[in-house]
Amino acid sequence: KRGIYDYQYVVADVINGKIENDDWLVLEGNTWVNKKEYDVFLYYNDPDLGGYERIIGYRRITTK
């Protein structure tokens, strides 16, 4: 695959099939000095598509 890869680990709970109580600070810490913008894509590896991944969620996050 070509492209730029960037990722971050997030700790969260799955309650009734929904992701809740997501915490970005547990593993990465907090840099509050700069305003940053992140595009988050949630992928699912679907065996029905021959092992290809598909996007099942997206969110843009801006730090303040």
PDB file of N, CA and C in Angstrom:
ATOM      1  N   LYS A   1       0.844  -1.181   0.000  1.00  0.00           N
ATOM      2  CA  LYS A   1       0.000   0.000   0.000  1.00  0.00           C
ATOM      3  C   LYS A   1       0.881   1.233   0.000  1.00  0.00           C
ATOM      4  N   ARG A   2       0.418   2.247  -0.652  1.00  0.00           N
ATOM      5  CA  ARG A   2       1.138   3.508  -0.687  1.00  0.00           C
ATOM      6  C   ARG A   2       0.407   4.528   0.169  1.00  0.00           C
ATOM      7  N   GLY A   3       1.154   5.507   0.623  1.00  0.00           N
ATOM      8  CA  GLY A   3       0.533   6.582   1.376  1.00  0.00           C
ATOM      9  C   GLY A   3       1.255   6.844   2.673  1.00  0.00           C
ATOM     10  N   ILE A   4       0.669   7.693   3.445  1.00  0.00           N
ATOM     11  CA  ILE A   4       1.220   8.070   4.744  1.00  0.00           C
ATOM     12  C   ILE A   4       0.397   7.382   5.818  1.00  0.00           C
ATOM     13  N   TYR A   5       1.084   6.782   6.745  1.00  0.00           N
ATOM     14  CA  TYR A   5       0.406   6.092   7.835  1.00  0.00           C
ATOM     15  C   TYR A   5       0.685   6.825   9.135  1.00  0.00           C
ATOM     16  N   ASP A   6      -0.343   7.093   9.892  1.00  0.00           N
ATOM     17  CA  ASP A   6      -0.215   7.717  11.200  1.00  0.00           C
ATOM     18  C   ASP A   6      -1.350   7.164  12.050  1.00  0.00           C
ATOM     19  N   TYR A   7      -1.049   6.793  13.254  1.00  0.00           N
ATOM     20  CA  TYR A   7      -2.073   6.198  14.094  1.00  0.00           C
ATOM     21  C   TYR A   7      -1.821   6.547  15.550  1.00  0.00           C
ATOM     22  N   GLN A   8      -2.832   6.328  16.361  1.00  0.00           N
ATOM     23  CA  GLN A   8      -2.732   6.547  17.795  1.00  0.00           C
ATOM     24  C   GLN A   8      -3.611   5.506  18.474  1.00  0.00           C
ATOM     25  N   TYR A   9      -3.121   4.980  19.570  1.00  0.00           N
ATOM     26  CA  TYR A   9      -3.899   4.022  20.338  1.00  0.00           C
ATOM     27  C   TYR A   9      -4.844   4.767  21.270  1.00  0.00           C
ATOM     28  N   VAL A  10      -6.068   4.263  21.374  1.00  0.00           N
ATOM     29  CA  VAL A  10      -7.087   4.883  22.203  1.00  0.00           C
ATOM     30  C   VAL A  10      -7.697   3.810  23.093  1.00  0.00           C
ATOM     31  N   VAL A  11      -7.974   4.171  24.330  1.00  0.00           N
ATOM     32  CA  VAL A  11      -8.641   3.272  25.263  1.00  0.00           C
ATOM     33  C   VAL A  11     -10.116   3.667  25.300  1.00  0.00           C
ATOM     34  N   ALA A  12     -11.024   2.679  25.156  1.00  0.00           N
ATOM     35  CA  ALA A  12     -12.453   2.983  25.156  1.00  0.00           C
ATOM     36  C   ALA A  12     -13.238   1.766  25.623  1.00  0.00           C
ATOM     37  N   ASP A  13     -14.496   2.013  25.964  1.00  0.00           N
ATOM     38  CA  ASP A  13     -15.427   0.953  26.330  1.00  0.00           C
ATOM     39  C   ASP A  13     -16.416   0.758  25.179  1.00  0.00           C
ATOM     40  N   VAL A  14     -16.818  -0.483  24.950  1.00  0.00           N
ATOM     41  CA  VAL A  14     -17.878  -0.761  23.990  1.00  0.00           C
ATOM     42  C   VAL A  14     -19.112  -1.129  24.801  1.00  0.00           C
ATOM     43  N   ILE A  15     -20.129  -0.267  24.735  1.00  0.00           N
ATOM     44  CA  ILE A  15     -21.362  -0.457  25.497  1.00  0.00           C
ATOM     45  C   ILE A  15     -22.517  -0.522  24.501  1.00  0.00           C
ATOM     46  N   ASN A  16     -23.211  -1.647  24.486  1.00  0.00           N
ATOM     47  CA  ASN A  16     -24.328  -1.870  23.557  1.00  0.00           C
ATOM     48  C   ASN A  16     -23.922  -1.617  22.110  1.00  0.00           C
ATOM     49  N   GLY A  17     -22.718  -2.048  21.745  1.00  0.00           N
ATOM     50  CA  GLY A  17     -22.249  -1.915  20.375  1.00  0.00           C
ATOM     51  C   GLY A  17     -21.760  -0.536  19.991  1.00  0.00           C
ATOM     52  N   LYS A  18     -21.692   0.395  20.946  1.00  0.00           N
ATOM     53  CA  LYS A  18     -21.217   1.749  20.659  1.00  0.00           C
ATOM     54  C   LYS A  18     -19.945   2.020  21.448  1.00  0.00           C
ATOM     55  N   ILE A  19     -19.023   2.757  20.838  1.00  0.00           N
ATOM     56  CA  ILE A  19     -17.783   3.133  21.516  1.00  0.00           C
ATOM     57  C   ILE A  19     -18.074   4.327  22.413  1.00  0.00           C
ATOM     58  N   GLU A  20     -17.789   4.173  23.700  1.00  0.00           N
ATOM     59  CA  GLU A  20     -18.037   5.237  24.667  1.00  0.00           C
ATOM     60  C   GLU A  20     -16.838   5.368  25.593  1.00  0.00           C
ATOM     61  N   ASN A  21     -16.757   6.488  26.267  1.00  0.00           N
ATOM     62  CA  ASN A  21     -15.700   6.773  27.246  1.00  0.00           C
ATOM     63  C   ASN A  21     -14.314   6.649  26.630  1.00  0.00           C
ATOM     64  N   ASP A  22     -14.168   7.152  25.389  1.00  0.00           N
ATOM     65  CA  ASP A  22     -12.850   7.073  24.754  1.00  0.00           C
ATOM     66  C   ASP A  22     -11.879   8.026  25.451  1.00  0.00           C
ATOM     67  N   ASP A  23     -10.671   7.550  25.681  1.00  0.00           N
ATOM     68  CA  ASP A  23      -9.656   8.315  26.402  1.00  0.00           C
ATOM     69  C   ASP A  23      -8.363   8.309  25.604  1.00  0.00           C
ATOM     70  N   TRP A  24      -7.995   9.470  25.087  1.00  0.00           N
ATOM     71  CA  TRP A  24      -6.792   9.617  24.272  1.00  0.00           C
ATOM     72  C   TRP A  24      -5.568   9.880  25.124  1.00  0.00           C
ATOM     73  N   LEU A  25      -5.755  10.242  26.377  1.00  0.00           N
ATOM     74  CA  LEU A  25      -4.641  10.690  27.206  1.00  0.00           C
ATOM     75  C   LEU A  25      -3.948   9.566  27.956  1.00  0.00           C
ATOM     76  N   VAL A  26      -4.609   8.430  28.138  1.00  0.00           N
ATOM     77  CA  VAL A  26      -4.045   7.346  28.933  1.00  0.00           C
ATOM     78  C   VAL A  26      -2.703   6.885  28.387  1.00  0.00           C
ATOM     79  N   LEU A  27      -2.591   6.738  27.083  1.00  0.00           N
ATOM     80  CA  LEU A  27      -1.377   6.196  26.483  1.00  0.00           C
ATOM     81  C   LEU A  27      -0.456   7.256  25.892  1.00  0.00           C
ATOM     82  N   GLU A  28      -0.967   8.409  25.500  1.00  0.00           N
ATOM     83  CA  GLU A  28      -0.179   9.373  24.747  1.00  0.00           C
ATOM     84  C   GLU A  28       0.176  10.639  25.515  1.00  0.00           C
ATOM     85  N   GLY A  29      -0.530  10.954  26.575  1.00  0.00           N
ATOM     86  CA  GLY A  29      -0.272  12.215  27.261  1.00  0.00           C
ATOM     87  C   GLY A  29      -1.053  13.348  26.620  1.00  0.00           C
ATOM     88  N   ASN A  30      -0.770  14.570  27.043  1.00  0.00           N
ATOM     89  CA  ASN A  30      -1.526  15.720  26.589  1.00  0.00           C
ATOM     90  C   ASN A  30      -0.576  16.867  26.269  1.00  0.00           C
ATOM     91  N   THR A  31      -0.604  17.351  25.034  1.00  0.00           N
ATOM     92  CA  THR A  31       0.149  18.550  24.676  1.00  0.00           C
ATOM     93  C   THR A  31      -0.866  19.639  24.393  1.00  0.00           C
ATOM     94  N   TRP A  32      -1.025  20.551  25.291  1.00  0.00           N
ATOM     95  CA  TRP A  32      -2.084  21.545  25.209  1.00  0.00           C
ATOM     96  C   TRP A  32      -1.633  22.854  24.585  1.00  0.00           C
ATOM     97  N   VAL A  33      -0.360  23.011  24.302  1.00  0.00           N
ATOM     98  CA  VAL A  33       0.161  24.287  23.835  1.00  0.00           C
ATOM     99  C   VAL A  33      -0.328  24.620  22.424  1.00  0.00           C
ATOM    100  N   ASN A  34      -0.373  23.674  21.540  1.00  0.00           N
ATOM    101  CA  ASN A  34      -0.718  23.918  20.141  1.00  0.00           C
ATOM    102  C   ASN A  34      -2.114  23.428  19.818  1.00  0.00           C
ATOM    103  N   LYS A  35      -2.757  24.153  18.904  1.00  0.00           N
ATOM    104  CA  LYS A  35      -4.034  23.687  18.377  1.00  0.00           C
ATOM    105  C   LYS A  35      -3.733  22.720  17.237  1.00  0.00           C
ATOM    106  N   LYS A  36      -4.293  21.532  17.309  1.00  0.00           N
ATOM    107  CA  LYS A  36      -4.032  20.511  16.294  1.00  0.00           C
ATOM    108  C   LYS A  36      -5.347  19.944  15.791  1.00  0.00           C
ATOM    109  N   GLU A  37      -5.314  19.449  14.568  1.00  0.00           N
ATOM    110  CA  GLU A  37      -6.493  18.848  13.967  1.00  0.00           C
ATOM    111  C   GLU A  37      -6.153  17.425  13.521  1.00  0.00           C
ATOM    112  N   TYR A  38      -7.033  16.488  13.852  1.00  0.00           N
ATOM    113  CA  TYR A  38      -6.804  15.083  13.526  1.00  0.00           C
ATOM    114  C   TYR A  38      -8.005  14.543  12.763  1.00  0.00           C
ATOM    115  N   ASP A  39      -7.745  13.745  11.748  1.00  0.00           N
ATOM    116  CA  ASP A  39      -8.785  12.999  11.055  1.00  0.00           C
ATOM    117  C   ASP A  39      -8.676  11.551  11.512  1.00  0.00           C
ATOM    118  N   VAL A  40      -9.765  11.033  12.069  1.00  0.00           N
ATOM    119  CA  VAL A  40      -9.769   9.681  12.621  1.00  0.00           C
ATOM    120  C   VAL A  40     -10.643   8.795  11.736  1.00  0.00           C
ATOM    121  N   PHE A  41     -10.065   7.716  11.259  1.00  0.00           N
ATOM    122  CA  PHE A  41     -10.785   6.739  10.455  1.00  0.00           C
ATOM    123  C   PHE A  41     -10.805   5.425  11.221  1.00  0.00           C
ATOM    124  N   LEU A  42     -11.975   4.834  11.356  1.00  0.00           N
ATOM    125  CA  LEU A  42     -12.121   3.545  12.022  1.00  0.00           C
ATOM    126  C   LEU A  42     -12.324   2.486  10.941  1.00  0.00           C
ATOM    127  N   TYR A  43     -11.391   1.545  10.891  1.00  0.00           N
ATOM    128  CA  TYR A  43     -11.401   0.508   9.856  1.00  0.00           C
ATOM    129  C   TYR A  43     -11.878  -0.824  10.416  1.00  0.00           C
ATOM    130  N   TYR A  44     -12.464  -1.626   9.540  1.00  0.00           N
ATOM    131  CA  TYR A  44     -12.866  -2.985   9.883  1.00  0.00           C
ATOM    132  C   TYR A  44     -12.361  -3.911   8.787  1.00  0.00           C
ATOM    133  N   ASN A  45     -11.669  -4.959   9.173  1.00  0.00           N
ATOM    134  CA  ASN A  45     -11.176  -5.939   8.213  1.00  0.00           C
ATOM    135  C   ASN A  45     -12.296  -6.937   7.962  1.00  0.00           C
ATOM    136  N   ASP A  46     -12.899  -6.848   6.790  1.00  0.00           N
ATOM    137  CA  ASP A  46     -14.073  -7.646   6.457  1.00  0.00           C
ATOM    138  C   ASP A  46     -13.679  -8.872   5.636  1.00  0.00           C
ATOM    139  N   PRO A  47     -13.800 -10.088   6.209  1.00  0.00           N
ATOM    140  CA  PRO A  47     -13.447 -11.296   5.467  1.00  0.00           C
ATOM    141  C   PRO A  47     -14.311 -11.492   4.215  1.00  0.00           C
ATOM    142  N   ASP A  48     -15.532 -10.947   4.208  1.00  0.00           N
ATOM    143  CA  ASP A  48     -16.412 -11.077   3.043  1.00  0.00           C
ATOM    144  C   ASP A  48     -15.903 -10.279   1.844  1.00  0.00           C
ATOM    145  N   LEU A  49     -15.011  -9.321   2.092  1.00  0.00           N
ATOM    146  CA  LEU A  49     -14.435  -8.521   1.008  1.00  0.00           C
ATOM    147  C   LEU A  49     -13.050  -9.027   0.636  1.00  0.00           C
ATOM    148  N   GLY A  50     -12.746 -10.256   0.977  1.00  0.00           N
ATOM    149  CA  GLY A  50     -11.451 -10.832   0.630  1.00  0.00           C
ATOM    150  C   GLY A  50     -10.314 -10.344   1.506  1.00  0.00           C
ATOM    151  N   GLY A  51     -10.633  -9.901   2.712  1.00  0.00           N
ATOM    152  CA  GLY A  51      -9.601  -9.431   3.629  1.00  0.00           C
ATOM    153  C   GLY A  51      -9.300  -7.947   3.511  1.00  0.00           C
ATOM    154  N   TYR A  52     -10.019  -7.254   2.633  1.00  0.00           N
ATOM    155  CA  TYR A  52      -9.814  -5.816   2.506  1.00  0.00           C
ATOM    156  C   TYR A  52     -10.461  -5.096   3.679  1.00  0.00           C
ATOM    157  N   GLU A  53      -9.921  -3.935   3.995  1.00  0.00           N
ATOM    158  CA  GLU A  53     -10.482  -3.146   5.080  1.00  0.00           C
ATOM    159  C   GLU A  53     -11.518  -2.176   4.526  1.00  0.00           C
ATOM    160  N   ARG A  54     -12.511  -1.877   5.354  1.00  0.00           N
ATOM    161  CA  ARG A  54     -13.479  -0.856   4.966  1.00  0.00           C
ATOM    162  C   ARG A  54     -13.631   0.133   6.115  1.00  0.00           C
ATOM    163  N   ILE A  55     -13.936   1.351   5.783  1.00  0.00           N
ATOM    164  CA  ILE A  55     -14.103   2.394   6.791  1.00  0.00           C
ATOM    165  C   ILE A  55     -15.507   2.283   7.358  1.00  0.00           C
ATOM    166  N   ILE A  56     -15.598   2.189   8.689  1.00  0.00           N
ATOM    167  CA  ILE A  56     -16.907   2.110   9.335  1.00  0.00           C
ATOM    168  C   ILE A  56     -17.178   3.324  10.213  1.00  0.00           C
ATOM    169  N   GLY A  57     -16.210   4.228  10.318  1.00  0.00           N
ATOM    170  CA  GLY A  57     -16.426   5.436  11.101  1.00  0.00           C
ATOM    171  C   GLY A  57     -15.400   6.499  10.775  1.00  0.00           C
ATOM    172  N   TYR A  58     -15.786   7.749  10.971  1.00  0.00           N
ATOM    173  CA  TYR A  58     -14.886   8.872  10.720  1.00  0.00           C
ATOM    174  C   TYR A  58     -15.250  10.004  11.672  1.00  0.00           C
ATOM    175  N   ARG A  59     -14.230  10.698  12.150  1.00  0.00           N
ATOM    176  CA  ARG A  59     -14.463  11.892  12.965  1.00  0.00           C
ATOM    177  C   ARG A  59     -13.251  12.806  12.851  1.00  0.00           C
ATOM    178  N   ARG A  60     -13.488  14.102  12.734  1.00  0.00           N
ATOM    179  CA  ARG A  60     -12.411  15.095  12.777  1.00  0.00           C
ATOM    180  C   ARG A  60     -12.389  15.671  14.191  1.00  0.00           C
ATOM    181  N   ILE A  61     -11.219  15.656  14.788  1.00  0.00           N
ATOM    182  CA  ILE A  61     -11.045  16.136  16.161  1.00  0.00           C
ATOM    183  C   ILE A  61     -10.089  17.315  16.141  1.00  0.00           C
ATOM    184  N   THR A  62     -10.464  18.404  16.803  1.00  0.00           N
ATOM    185  CA  THR A  62      -9.619  19.585  16.912  1.00  0.00           C
ATOM    186  C   THR A  62      -9.317  19.829  18.381  1.00  0.00           C
ATOM    187  N   THR A  63      -8.033  19.952  18.705  1.00  0.00           N
ATOM    188  CA  THR A  63      -7.657  20.256  20.082  1.00  0.00           C
ATOM    189  C   THR A  63      -7.779  21.752  20.298  1.00  0.00           C
ATOM    190  N   LYS A  64      -7.997  22.135  21.521  1.00  0.00           N
ATOM    191  CA  LYS A  64      -8.150  23.563  21.834  1.00  0.00           C
ATOM    192  C   LYS A  64      -7.040  24.049  22.716  1.00  0.00           C
TER     193      LYS A  64
END
